[in-house]
Amino acid sequence: MDVLKKQTMYTISDIYALSDGERAELIDGQIYNMAPPDRLHQKINWKLHQAIANYIDSRNGLCEVYAAPFAVFLNDDDINYVSRIFL
């Protein structure tokens, strides 16, 4: 007889309970640990951020650009949370 392992469903409370500096995303109730970005990733991220912000500003746009990490709630629930986005 096969015994099914019970799968734990995590919520946003579990993400908030992580220690400071621990990076993770919550997707469909599952926690995915994230490695910290390396220097090249951060350099590319900054250049994209700068180029997009300059483009918006040069056209008097109303959009705002935020640098990662930035919390994003994908759905109106407590089982989805991602911690980075470019725009």
PDB file of N, CA and C in Angstrom:
ATOM      1  N   MET A   1       0.831  -1.171   0.000  1.00  0.00           N
ATOM      2  CA  MET A   1       0.000   0.000   0.000  1.00  0.00           C
ATOM      3  C   MET A   1       0.883   1.244   0.000  1.00  0.00           C
ATOM      4  N   ASP A   2       0.587   2.153  -0.927  1.00  0.00           N
ATOM      5  CA  ASP A   2       1.333   3.412  -1.012  1.00  0.00           C
ATOM      6  C   ASP A   2       0.768   4.418  -0.016  1.00  0.00           C
ATOM      7  N   VAL A   3       1.661   5.056   0.673  1.00  0.00           N
ATOM      8  CA  VAL A   3       1.251   6.088   1.620  1.00  0.00           C
ATOM      9  C   VAL A   3       1.570   7.442   0.979  1.00  0.00           C
ATOM     10  N   LEU A   4       0.548   8.262   0.841  1.00  0.00           N
ATOM     11  CA  LEU A   4       0.752   9.578   0.256  1.00  0.00           C
ATOM     12  C   LEU A   4       1.272  10.549   1.302  1.00  0.00           C
ATOM     13  N   LYS A   5       2.314  11.258   0.942  1.00  0.00           N
ATOM     14  CA  LYS A   5       2.871  12.256   1.836  1.00  0.00           C
ATOM     15  C   LYS A   5       1.969  13.496   1.813  1.00  0.00           C
ATOM     16  N   LYS A   6       1.632  13.993   2.978  1.00  0.00           N
ATOM     17  CA  LYS A   6       0.810  15.184   3.069  1.00  0.00           C
ATOM     18  C   LYS A   6       1.623  16.390   2.620  1.00  0.00           C
ATOM     19  N   GLN A   7       1.063  17.160   1.713  1.00  0.00           N
ATOM     20  CA  GLN A   7       1.743  18.335   1.205  1.00  0.00           C
ATOM     21  C   GLN A   7       1.308  19.553   2.017  1.00  0.00           C
ATOM     22  N   THR A   8       2.273  20.310   2.508  1.00  0.00           N
ATOM     23  CA  THR A   8       1.982  21.489   3.308  1.00  0.00           C
ATOM     24  C   THR A   8       1.653  22.665   2.402  1.00  0.00           C
ATOM     25  N   MET A   9       0.594  23.400   2.744  1.00  0.00           N
ATOM     26  CA  MET A   9       0.246  24.632   2.049  1.00  0.00           C
ATOM     27  C   MET A   9       0.724  25.795   2.912  1.00  0.00           C
ATOM     28  N   TYR A  10       1.563  26.630   2.359  1.00  0.00           N
ATOM     29  CA  TYR A  10       2.071  27.788   3.068  1.00  0.00           C
ATOM     30  C   TYR A  10       1.255  29.016   2.690  1.00  0.00           C
ATOM     31  N   THR A  11       1.326  30.028   3.545  1.00  0.00           N
ATOM     32  CA  THR A  11       0.618  31.281   3.287  1.00  0.00           C
ATOM     33  C   THR A  11       1.587  32.447   3.429  1.00  0.00           C
ATOM     34  N   ILE A  12       1.083  33.634   3.172  1.00  0.00           N
ATOM     35  CA  ILE A  12       1.896  34.835   3.289  1.00  0.00           C
ATOM     36  C   ILE A  12       2.458  34.997   4.696  1.00  0.00           C
ATOM     37  N   SER A  13       1.772  34.490   5.682  1.00  0.00           N
ATOM     38  CA  SER A  13       2.275  34.546   7.066  1.00  0.00           C
ATOM     39  C   SER A  13       3.600  33.799   7.194  1.00  0.00           C
ATOM     40  N   ASP A  14       3.734  32.685   6.470  1.00  0.00           N
ATOM     41  CA  ASP A  14       4.984  31.920   6.499  1.00  0.00           C
ATOM     42  C   ASP A  14       6.120  32.702   5.840  1.00  0.00           C
ATOM     43  N   ILE A  15       5.799  33.439   4.781  1.00  0.00           N
ATOM     44  CA  ILE A  15       6.813  34.271   4.124  1.00  0.00           C
ATOM     45  C   ILE A  15       7.263  35.375   5.082  1.00  0.00           C
ATOM     46  N   TYR A  16       6.310  36.038   5.725  1.00  0.00           N
ATOM     47  CA  TYR A  16       6.652  37.113   6.657  1.00  0.00           C
ATOM     48  C   TYR A  16       7.433  36.594   7.866  1.00  0.00           C
ATOM     49  N   ALA A  17       7.302  35.322   8.182  1.00  0.00           N
ATOM     50  CA  ALA A  17       7.998  34.740   9.334  1.00  0.00           C
ATOM     51  C   ALA A  17       9.444  34.347   9.012  1.00  0.00           C
ATOM     52  N   LEU A  18       9.848  34.410   7.753  1.00  0.00           N
ATOM     53  CA  LEU A  18      11.223  34.063   7.398  1.00  0.00           C
ATOM     54  C   LEU A  18      12.189  35.056   8.032  1.00  0.00           C
ATOM     55  N   SER A  19      13.417  34.608   8.282  1.00  0.00           N
ATOM     56  CA  SER A  19      14.397  35.509   8.879  1.00  0.00           C
ATOM     57  C   SER A  19      14.780  36.616   7.904  1.00  0.00           C
ATOM     58  N   ASP A  20      15.208  37.738   8.481  1.00  0.00           N
ATOM     59  CA  ASP A  20      15.626  38.883   7.670  1.00  0.00           C
ATOM     60  C   ASP A  20      16.694  38.460   6.670  1.00  0.00           C
ATOM     61  N   GLY A  21      16.533  38.914   5.451  1.00  0.00           N
ATOM     62  CA  GLY A  21      17.500  38.609   4.410  1.00  0.00           C
ATOM     63  C   GLY A  21      17.235  37.317   3.661  1.00  0.00           C
ATOM     64  N   GLU A  22      16.362  36.473   4.177  1.00  0.00           N
ATOM     65  CA  GLU A  22      16.033  35.221   3.481  1.00  0.00           C
ATOM     66  C   GLU A  22      15.060  35.533   2.361  1.00  0.00           C
ATOM     67  N   ARG A  23      15.436  35.158   1.141  1.00  0.00           N
ATOM     68  CA  ARG A  23      14.624  35.470  -0.031  1.00  0.00           C
ATOM     69  C   ARG A  23      13.859  34.231  -0.474  1.00  0.00           C
ATOM     70  N   ALA A  24      12.555  34.408  -0.653  1.00  0.00           N
ATOM     71  CA  ALA A  24      11.707  33.300  -1.087  1.00  0.00           C
ATOM     72  C   ALA A  24      10.467  33.860  -1.763  1.00  0.00           C
ATOM     73  N   GLU A  25       9.864  33.041  -2.599  1.00  0.00           N
ATOM     74  CA  GLU A  25       8.596  33.377  -3.235  1.00  0.00           C
ATOM     75  C   GLU A  25       7.569  32.330  -2.857  1.00  0.00           C
ATOM     76  N   LEU A  26       6.327  32.722  -2.861  1.00  0.00           N
ATOM     77  CA  LEU A  26       5.218  31.840  -2.522  1.00  0.00           C
ATOM     78  C   LEU A  26       4.337  31.724  -3.755  1.00  0.00           C
ATOM     79  N   ILE A  27       4.265  30.539  -4.321  1.00  0.00           N
ATOM     80  CA  ILE A  27       3.479  30.315  -5.537  1.00  0.00           C
ATOM     81  C   ILE A  27       2.576  29.124  -5.305  1.00  0.00           C
ATOM     82  N   ASP A  28       1.283  29.387  -5.384  1.00  0.00           N
ATOM     83  CA  ASP A  28       0.270  28.354  -5.157  1.00  0.00           C
ATOM     84  C   ASP A  28       0.493  27.599  -3.851  1.00  0.00           C
ATOM     85  N   GLY A  29       0.859  28.341  -2.807  1.00  0.00           N
ATOM     86  CA  GLY A  29       1.012  27.737  -1.494  1.00  0.00           C
ATOM     87  C   GLY A  29       2.324  27.015  -1.257  1.00  0.00           C
ATOM     88  N   GLN A  30       3.256  27.091  -2.199  1.00  0.00           N
ATOM     89  CA  GLN A  30       4.558  26.441  -2.037  1.00  0.00           C
ATOM     90  C   GLN A  30       5.648  27.501  -1.952  1.00  0.00           C
ATOM     91  N   ILE A  31       6.581  27.332  -1.031  1.00  0.00           N
ATOM     92  CA  ILE A  31       7.684  28.271  -0.865  1.00  0.00           C
ATOM     93  C   ILE A  31       8.865  27.825  -1.718  1.00  0.00           C
ATOM     94  N   TYR A  32       9.390  28.773  -2.487  1.00  0.00           N
ATOM     95  CA  TYR A  32      10.562  28.534  -3.314  1.00  0.00           C
ATOM     96  C   TYR A  32      11.665  29.476  -2.841  1.00  0.00           C
ATOM     97  N   ASN A  33      12.752  28.896  -2.315  1.00  0.00           N
ATOM     98  CA  ASN A  33      13.883  29.699  -1.866  1.00  0.00           C
ATOM     99  C   ASN A  33      14.611  30.270  -3.067  1.00  0.00           C
ATOM    100  N   MET A  34      15.132  31.471  -2.888  1.00  0.00           N
ATOM    101  CA  MET A  34      15.819  32.154  -3.978  1.00  0.00           C
ATOM    102  C   MET A  34      17.248  32.482  -3.565  1.00  0.00           C
ATOM    103  N   ALA A  35      18.155  32.284  -4.486  1.00  0.00           N
ATOM    104  CA  ALA A  35      19.544  32.673  -4.252  1.00  0.00           C
ATOM    105  C   ALA A  35      19.657  34.190  -4.407  1.00  0.00           C
ATOM    106  N   PRO A  36      20.590  34.809  -3.714  1.00  0.00           N
ATOM    107  CA  PRO A  36      20.765  36.245  -3.893  1.00  0.00           C
ATOM    108  C   PRO A  36      21.307  36.541  -5.298  1.00  0.00           C
ATOM    109  N   PRO A  37      20.954  37.687  -5.859  1.00  0.00           N
ATOM    110  CA  PRO A  37      21.457  38.026  -7.195  1.00  0.00           C
ATOM    111  C   PRO A  37      22.954  38.298  -7.165  1.00  0.00           C
ATOM    112  N   ASP A  38      23.618  37.999  -8.265  1.00  0.00           N
ATOM    113  CA  ASP A  38      25.048  38.273  -8.337  1.00  0.00           C
ATOM    114  C   ASP A  38      25.284  39.684  -8.898  1.00  0.00           C
ATOM    115  N   ARG A  39      26.537  40.068  -8.969  1.00  0.00           N
ATOM    116  CA  ARG A  39      26.911  41.416  -9.406  1.00  0.00           C
ATOM    117  C   ARG A  39      26.428  41.723 -10.823  1.00  0.00           C
ATOM    118  N   LEU A  40      26.580  40.801 -11.755  1.00  0.00           N
ATOM    119  CA  LEU A  40      26.151  41.037 -13.136  1.00  0.00           C
ATOM    120  C   LEU A  40      24.642  41.231 -13.204  1.00  0.00           C
ATOM    121  N   HIS A  41      23.897  40.418 -12.485  1.00  0.00           N
ATOM    122  CA  HIS A  41      22.443  40.555 -12.458  1.00  0.00           C
ATOM    123  C   HIS A  41      22.058  41.954 -11.969  1.00  0.00           C
ATOM    124  N   GLN A  42      22.676  42.405 -10.884  1.00  0.00           N
ATOM    125  CA  GLN A  42      22.360  43.713 -10.328  1.00  0.00           C
ATOM    126  C   GLN A  42      22.733  44.842 -11.291  1.00  0.00           C
ATOM    127  N   LYS A  43      23.850  44.693 -11.989  1.00  0.00           N
ATOM    128  CA  LYS A  43      24.282  45.716 -12.947  1.00  0.00           C
ATOM    129  C   LYS A  43      23.283  45.819 -14.099  1.00  0.00           C
ATOM    130  N   ILE A  44      22.874  44.678 -14.640  1.00  0.00           N
ATOM    131  CA  ILE A  44      21.892  44.670 -15.729  1.00  0.00           C
ATOM    132  C   ILE A  44      20.558  45.224 -15.236  1.00  0.00           C
ATOM    133  N   ASN A  45      20.148  44.819 -14.062  1.00  0.00           N
ATOM    134  CA  ASN A  45      18.902  45.305 -13.480  1.00  0.00           C
ATOM    135  C   ASN A  45      18.921  46.831 -13.359  1.00  0.00           C
ATOM    136  N   TRP A  46      20.017  47.374 -12.850  1.00  0.00           N
ATOM    137  CA  TRP A  46      20.131  48.824 -12.694  1.00  0.00           C
ATOM    138  C   TRP A  46      20.066  49.527 -14.046  1.00  0.00           C
ATOM    139  N   LYS A  47      20.773  49.016 -15.042  1.00  0.00           N
ATOM    140  CA  LYS A  47      20.774  49.642 -16.370  1.00  0.00           C
ATOM    141  C   LYS A  47      19.375  49.623 -16.992  1.00  0.00           C
ATOM    142  N   LEU A  48      18.653  48.526 -16.852  1.00  0.00           N
ATOM    143  CA  LEU A  48      17.275  48.460 -17.355  1.00  0.00           C
ATOM    144  C   LEU A  48      16.384  49.454 -16.616  1.00  0.00           C
ATOM    145  N   HIS A  49      16.497  49.481 -15.311  1.00  0.00           N
ATOM    146  CA  HIS A  49      15.736  50.408 -14.486  1.00  0.00           C
ATOM    147  C   HIS A  49      15.992  51.846 -14.935  1.00  0.00           C
ATOM    148  N   GLN A  50      17.253  52.186 -15.110  1.00  0.00           N
ATOM    149  CA  GLN A  50      17.649  53.533 -15.504  1.00  0.00           C
ATOM    150  C   GLN A  50      17.106  53.884 -16.891  1.00  0.00           C
ATOM    151  N   ALA A  51      17.243  52.975 -17.856  1.00  0.00           N
ATOM    152  CA  ALA A  51      16.787  53.239 -19.221  1.00  0.00           C
ATOM    153  C   ALA A  51      15.265  53.410 -19.281  1.00  0.00           C
ATOM    154  N   ILE A  52      14.544  52.564 -18.588  1.00  0.00           N
ATOM    155  CA  ILE A  52      13.078  52.648 -18.600  1.00  0.00           C
ATOM    156  C   ILE A  52      12.610  53.928 -17.909  1.00  0.00           C
ATOM    157  N   ALA A  53      13.211  54.254 -16.767  1.00  0.00           N
ATOM    158  CA  ALA A  53      12.838  55.478 -16.048  1.00  0.00           C
ATOM    159  C   ALA A  53      13.143  56.713 -16.890  1.00  0.00           C
ATOM    160  N   ASN A  54      14.299  56.746 -17.550  1.00  0.00           N
ATOM    161  CA  ASN A  54      14.651  57.876 -18.407  1.00  0.00           C
ATOM    162  C   ASN A  54      13.667  58.018 -19.563  1.00  0.00           C
ATOM    163  N   TYR A  55      13.271  56.908 -20.163  1.00  0.00           N
ATOM    164  CA  TYR A  55      12.304  56.926 -21.265  1.00  0.00           C
ATOM    165  C   TYR A  55      10.969  57.509 -20.800  1.00  0.00           C
ATOM    166  N   ILE A  56      10.485  57.046 -19.665  1.00  0.00           N
ATOM    167  CA  ILE A  56       9.209  57.537 -19.117  1.00  0.00           C
ATOM    168  C   ILE A  56       9.314  59.029 -18.800  1.00  0.00           C
ATOM    169  N   ASP A  57      10.398  59.431 -18.148  1.00  0.00           N
ATOM    170  CA  ASP A  57      10.577  60.833 -17.782  1.00  0.00           C
ATOM    171  C   ASP A  57      10.675  61.741 -19.008  1.00  0.00           C
ATOM    172  N   SER A  58      11.353  61.278 -20.054  1.00  0.00           N
ATOM    173  CA  SER A  58      11.533  62.102 -21.248  1.00  0.00           C
ATOM    174  C   SER A  58      10.217  62.357 -21.983  1.00  0.00           C
ATOM    175  N   ARG A  59       9.223  61.564 -21.694  1.00  0.00           N
ATOM    176  CA  ARG A  59       7.904  61.722 -22.314  1.00  0.00           C
ATOM    177  C   ARG A  59       6.848  62.186 -21.311  1.00  0.00           C
ATOM    178  N   ASN A  60       7.316  62.660 -20.160  1.00  0.00           N
ATOM    179  CA  ASN A  60       6.431  63.129 -19.091  1.00  0.00           C
ATOM    180  C   ASN A  60       5.389  62.073 -18.716  1.00  0.00           C
ATOM    181  N   GLY A  61       5.810  60.833 -18.716  1.00  0.00           N
ATOM    182  CA  GLY A  61       4.915  59.722 -18.384  1.00  0.00           C
ATOM    183  C   GLY A  61       4.527  59.711 -16.918  1.00  0.00           C
ATOM    184  N   LEU A  62       3.446  59.033 -16.638  1.00  0.00           N
ATOM    185  CA  LEU A  62       2.943  58.944 -15.273  1.00  0.00           C
ATOM    186  C   LEU A  62       3.341  57.654 -14.568  1.00  0.00           C
ATOM    187  N   CYS A  63       3.932  56.713 -15.304  1.00  0.00           N
ATOM    188  CA  CYS A  63       4.334  55.429 -14.719  1.00  0.00           C
ATOM    189  C   CYS A  63       5.531  55.631 -13.800  1.00  0.00           C
ATOM    190  N   GLU A  64       5.697  54.701 -12.872  1.00  0.00           N
ATOM    191  CA  GLU A  64       6.844  54.720 -11.984  1.00  0.00           C
ATOM    192  C   GLU A  64       7.574  53.396 -12.089  1.00  0.00           C
ATOM    193  N   VAL A  65       8.873  53.443 -11.962  1.00  0.00           N
ATOM    194  CA  VAL A  65       9.702  52.250 -12.019  1.00  0.00           C
ATOM    195  C   VAL A  65      10.289  52.017 -10.632  1.00  0.00           C
ATOM    196  N   TYR A  66      10.167  50.807 -10.129  1.00  0.00           N
ATOM    197  CA  TYR A  66      10.703  50.449  -8.819  1.00  0.00           C
ATOM    198  C   TYR A  66      11.784  49.386  -8.986  1.00  0.00           C
ATOM    199  N   ALA A  67      12.854  49.555  -8.241  1.00  0.00           N
ATOM    200  CA  ALA A  67      13.923  48.564  -8.289  1.00  0.00           C
ATOM    201  C   ALA A  67      13.560  47.366  -7.423  1.00  0.00           C
ATOM    202  N   ALA A  68      14.007  46.205  -7.838  1.00  0.00           N
ATOM    203  CA  ALA A  68      13.771  44.983  -7.078  1.00  0.00           C
ATOM    204  C   ALA A  68      14.653  44.998  -5.837  1.00  0.00           C
ATOM    205  N   PRO A  69      14.314  44.331  -4.767  1.00  0.00           N
ATOM    206  CA  PRO A  69      13.102  43.530  -4.602  1.00  0.00           C
ATOM    207  C   PRO A  69      11.902  44.399  -4.265  1.00  0.00           C
ATOM    208  N   PHE A  70      10.778  43.984  -4.745  1.00  0.00           N
ATOM    209  CA  PHE A  70       9.536  44.711  -4.561  1.00  0.00           C
ATOM    210  C   PHE A  70       8.424  43.691  -4.469  1.00  0.00           C
ATOM    211  N   ALA A  71       7.656  43.718  -3.420  1.00  0.00           N
ATOM    212  CA  ALA A  71       6.615  42.707  -3.206  1.00  0.00           C
ATOM    213  C   ALA A  71       5.488  42.865  -4.222  1.00  0.00           C
ATOM    214  N   VAL A  72       5.056  41.737  -4.763  1.00  0.00           N
ATOM    215  CA  VAL A  72       3.961  41.724  -5.725  1.00  0.00           C
ATOM    216  C   VAL A  72       2.992  40.623  -5.323  1.00  0.00           C
ATOM    217  N   PHE A  73       1.739  40.973  -5.212  1.00  0.00           N
ATOM    218  CA  PHE A  73       0.708  39.992  -4.904  1.00  0.00           C
ATOM    219  C   PHE A  73       0.003  39.648  -6.202  1.00  0.00           C
ATOM    220  N   LEU A  74       0.125  38.389  -6.637  1.00  0.00           N
ATOM    221  CA  LEU A  74      -0.395  37.970  -7.934  1.00  0.00           C
ATOM    222  C   LEU A  74      -1.910  37.835  -7.944  1.00  0.00           C
ATOM    223  N   ASN A  75      -2.465  37.422  -6.866  1.00  0.00           N
ATOM    224  CA  ASN A  75      -3.902  37.196  -6.760  1.00  0.00           C
ATOM    225  C   ASN A  75      -4.397  37.783  -5.449  1.00  0.00           C
ATOM    226  N   ASP A  76      -5.691  37.852  -5.316  1.00  0.00           N
ATOM    227  CA  ASP A  76      -6.272  38.338  -4.064  1.00  0.00           C
ATOM    228  C   ASP A  76      -6.421  37.159  -3.091  1.00  0.00           C
ATOM    229  N   ASP A  77      -5.280  36.587  -2.718  1.00  0.00           N
ATOM    230  CA  ASP A  77      -5.279  35.461  -1.792  1.00  0.00           C
ATOM    231  C   ASP A  77      -4.010  35.519  -0.959  1.00  0.00           C
ATOM    232  N   ASP A  78      -3.833  34.563  -0.090  1.00  0.00           N
ATOM    233  CA  ASP A  78      -2.635  34.571   0.753  1.00  0.00           C
ATOM    234  C   ASP A  78      -1.699  33.412   0.449  1.00  0.00           C
ATOM    235  N   ILE A  79      -1.775  32.876  -0.789  1.00  0.00           N
ATOM    236  CA  ILE A  79      -0.884  31.761  -1.160  1.00  0.00           C
ATOM    237  C   ILE A  79      -0.019  32.093  -2.377  1.00  0.00           C
ATOM    238  N   ASN A  80      -0.004  33.380  -2.807  1.00  0.00           N
ATOM    239  CA  ASN A  80       0.833  33.803  -3.926  1.00  0.00           C
ATOM    240  C   ASN A  80       1.497  35.132  -3.596  1.00  0.00           C
ATOM    241  N   TYR A  81       2.831  35.151  -3.707  1.00  0.00           N
ATOM    242  CA  TYR A  81       3.621  36.345  -3.410  1.00  0.00           C
ATOM    243  C   TYR A  81       4.958  36.180  -4.103  1.00  0.00           C
ATOM    244  N   VAL A  82       5.336  37.171  -4.892  1.00  0.00           N
ATOM    245  CA  VAL A  82       6.669  37.166  -5.480  1.00  0.00           C
ATOM    246  C   VAL A  82       7.381  38.439  -5.036  1.00  0.00           C
ATOM    247  N   SER A  83       8.673  38.366  -4.946  1.00  0.00           N
ATOM    248  CA  SER A  83       9.401  39.476  -4.336  1.00  0.00           C
ATOM    249  C   SER A  83      10.276  40.251  -5.303  1.00  0.00           C
ATOM    250  N   ARG A  84       9.969  40.172  -6.571  1.00  0.00           N
ATOM    251  CA  ARG A  84      10.752  40.982  -7.493  1.00  0.00           C
ATOM    252  C   ARG A  84       9.954  41.231  -8.760  1.00  0.00           C
ATOM    253  N   ILE A  85      10.201  42.376  -9.316  1.00  0.00           N
ATOM    254  CA  ILE A  85       9.562  42.774 -10.559  1.00  0.00           C
ATOM    255  C   ILE A  85      10.354  43.961 -11.105  1.00  0.00           C
ATOM    256  N   PHE A  86      10.395  44.119 -12.408  1.00  0.00           N
ATOM    257  CA  PHE A  86      11.144  45.228 -12.997  1.00  0.00           C
ATOM    258  C   PHE A  86      10.298  46.478 -13.156  1.00  0.00           C
ATOM    259  N   LEU A  87       9.017  46.341 -13.415  1.00  0.00           N
ATOM    260  CA  LEU A  87       8.155  47.517 -13.603  1.00  0.00           C
ATOM    261  C   LEU A  87       7.043  47.509 -12.610  1.00  0.00           C
TER     262      LEU A  87
END
